[in-house]
Amino acid sequence: MAIQSIFNPTQSAGMLKIENQVKTVPTPYEAQQTFGSFLKDAIQEVNNKQYESDVMTEKLVRGGDIELHDVMIASQKASIALNATMEVRNKVIEAYQEIIRMPV
């Protein structure tokens, strides 16, 4: 059984054809924009969870119609989201520092 290459040398550098499907490889600029928008959306989601927790806590303190367990669940969700974000940030900084230490 012969091994066949998935790359066709006649195709352009940005195109990859696998089983009649053409997939384009994003340019570095497009990848950067996609990653940037993903990161922005993720941070916005963490911010929304923090805001929701603050609003629910304020309603509880003011005697609004809200259950304590709902406030605690929202608070824990916000806390977990923030902790996860901080861990990702720490890993990114650690990876950056490791790259900086590499000899050229």
Protein backbone atom coordinates (compact mmCIF):
# COMPACT_ATOMS: atom_id res chain seq x y z
CA MET A 1 0.00 0.00 0.00
CA ALA A 2 1.50 3.29 -1.12
CA ILE A 3 1.52 6.38 1.07
CA GLN A 4 -0.02 9.35 -0.65
CA SER A 5 0.75 12.94 0.21
CA ILE A 6 -2.14 15.17 1.22
CA PHE A 7 -0.39 18.13 -0.38
CA ASN A 8 -0.56 18.78 -4.09
CA PRO A 9 2.46 20.78 -5.29
CA THR A 10 0.35 22.51 -7.95
CA GLN A 11 -1.96 24.11 -5.38
CA SER A 12 -1.30 27.59 -4.07
CA ALA A 13 0.41 27.97 -0.71
CA GLY A 14 -2.74 29.17 1.10
CA MET A 15 -5.02 26.35 -0.07
CA LEU A 16 -5.26 22.79 1.17
CA LYS A 17 -7.52 20.27 -0.54
CA ILE A 18 -8.61 17.29 1.52
CA GLU A 19 -11.31 14.93 0.22
CA ASN A 20 -12.92 17.45 -2.14
CA GLN A 21 -12.93 20.17 0.51
CA VAL A 22 -10.92 23.33 0.08
CA LYS A 23 -9.81 24.93 3.31
CA THR A 24 -8.03 28.23 3.34
CA VAL A 25 -5.26 28.89 5.78
CA PRO A 26 -5.71 32.31 7.36
CA THR A 27 -3.01 34.90 6.94
CA PRO A 28 -1.12 35.97 10.06
CA TYR A 29 -3.11 39.21 10.14
CA GLU A 30 -6.43 37.33 9.97
CA ALA A 31 -5.29 34.91 12.68
CA GLN A 32 -4.27 37.85 14.86
CA GLN A 33 -7.64 39.54 14.36
CA THR A 34 -9.52 36.32 15.09
CA PHE A 35 -7.52 35.69 18.25
CA GLY A 36 -7.95 39.30 19.32
CA SER A 37 -11.71 39.18 18.92
CA PHE A 38 -11.86 35.81 20.74
CA LEU A 39 -9.85 37.24 23.62
CA LYS A 40 -11.99 40.37 23.76
CA ASP A 41 -15.20 38.31 23.81
CA ALA A 42 -13.86 36.06 26.58
CA ILE A 43 -12.88 39.01 28.76
CA GLN A 44 -16.25 40.66 28.09
CA GLU A 45 -17.99 37.47 29.23
CA VAL A 46 -16.01 37.49 32.49
CA ASN A 47 -16.94 41.14 32.96
CA ASN A 48 -20.62 40.33 32.36
CA LYS A 49 -20.52 37.61 35.02
CA GLN A 50 -18.92 40.04 37.49
CA TYR A 51 -21.55 42.68 36.70
CA GLU A 52 -24.40 40.16 37.07
CA SER A 53 -23.02 39.07 40.43
CA ASP A 54 -22.77 42.70 41.61
CA VAL A 55 -26.35 43.47 40.52
CA MET A 56 -27.71 40.38 42.26
CA THR A 57 -25.77 41.14 45.44
CA GLU A 58 -27.08 44.70 45.47
CA LYS A 59 -30.66 43.45 45.02
CA LEU A 60 -30.22 41.09 47.96
CA VAL A 61 -28.78 43.82 50.19
CA ARG A 62 -31.62 46.20 49.31
CA GLY A 63 -34.20 43.54 50.14
CA GLY A 64 -35.20 42.74 46.57
CA ASP A 65 -37.05 39.63 45.46
CA ILE A 66 -34.05 37.36 45.03
CA GLU A 67 -32.92 34.18 46.74
CA LEU A 68 -29.64 33.96 48.61
CA HIS A 69 -28.60 30.77 46.82
CA ASP A 70 -29.04 32.48 43.42
CA VAL A 71 -26.74 35.29 44.56
CA MET A 72 -24.16 32.81 45.84
CA ILE A 73 -24.25 30.80 42.59
CA ALA A 74 -23.76 33.95 40.50
CA SER A 75 -20.93 35.02 42.79
CA GLN A 76 -19.18 31.65 42.46
CA LYS A 77 -19.59 31.66 38.67
CA ALA A 78 -18.00 35.10 38.52
CA SER A 79 -15.19 34.02 40.84
CA ILE A 80 -14.43 30.87 38.85
CA ALA A 81 -14.47 32.79 35.56
CA LEU A 82 -12.08 35.40 36.95
CA ASN A 83 -9.74 32.77 38.42
CA ALA A 84 -9.67 30.86 35.13
CA THR A 85 -8.89 34.08 33.27
CA MET A 86 -6.06 34.86 35.66
CA GLU A 87 -4.60 31.37 35.22
CA VAL A 88 -4.69 31.74 31.43
CA ARG A 89 -2.99 35.13 31.78
CA ASN A 90 -0.31 33.60 34.00
CA LYS A 91 0.34 30.82 31.48
CA VAL A 92 0.59 33.32 28.62
CA ILE A 93 3.08 35.43 30.57
CA GLU A 94 5.06 32.32 31.48
CA ALA A 95 5.16 31.24 27.82
CA TYR A 96 6.24 34.73 26.74
CA GLN A 97 9.03 34.76 29.30
CA GLU A 98 10.16 31.34 28.13
CA ILE A 99 10.32 32.57 24.52
CA ILE A 100 12.29 35.64 25.58
CA ARG A 101 14.85 33.42 27.34
CA MET A 102 15.46 31.35 24.19
CA PRO A 103 18.83 31.96 22.56
CA VAL A 104 18.67 33.32 19.04
